Amino acid sequence: MDANKVTNGDDEVVADRLKTFFDQKVKTIYSNIEAELPDKSSVTMSDSAKPLLRSKLSQFKQVSMSELESLINALPNKSSILDPIPMWLFKNCFQNCYR
């Protein structure tokens, strides 16, 4: 079995993999931003933004496939070089896999 494929019955495994994926993605983005800053000592973070750095995905709510499809379709087709695949391609693959 492919290590990236998860069967429908493994909800906790899927949730854990999603949490790990997004946690690592956010850390990578922060690291890349820090690396691009010319002088880190001149940049200060507002107090209101500091709690966001410590927030974690710890609770998940079950959604139906139609809710998930609506959420994904509502995402803009913008992409970043940090994205594993372009958003338009992800949407297309999602639609082809779950219809």
Foldseek 3Di string as FASTA:
>chain_A
DDPPDDDPVPVVVVVVVVQVVVVVLVVVVVVVVVVPDPDVVVDDDDPVCVVVVVDGPDDDDDDDPVVVLVVLVPDDQDDDPSDPDGSVVVNVVSVVVPD
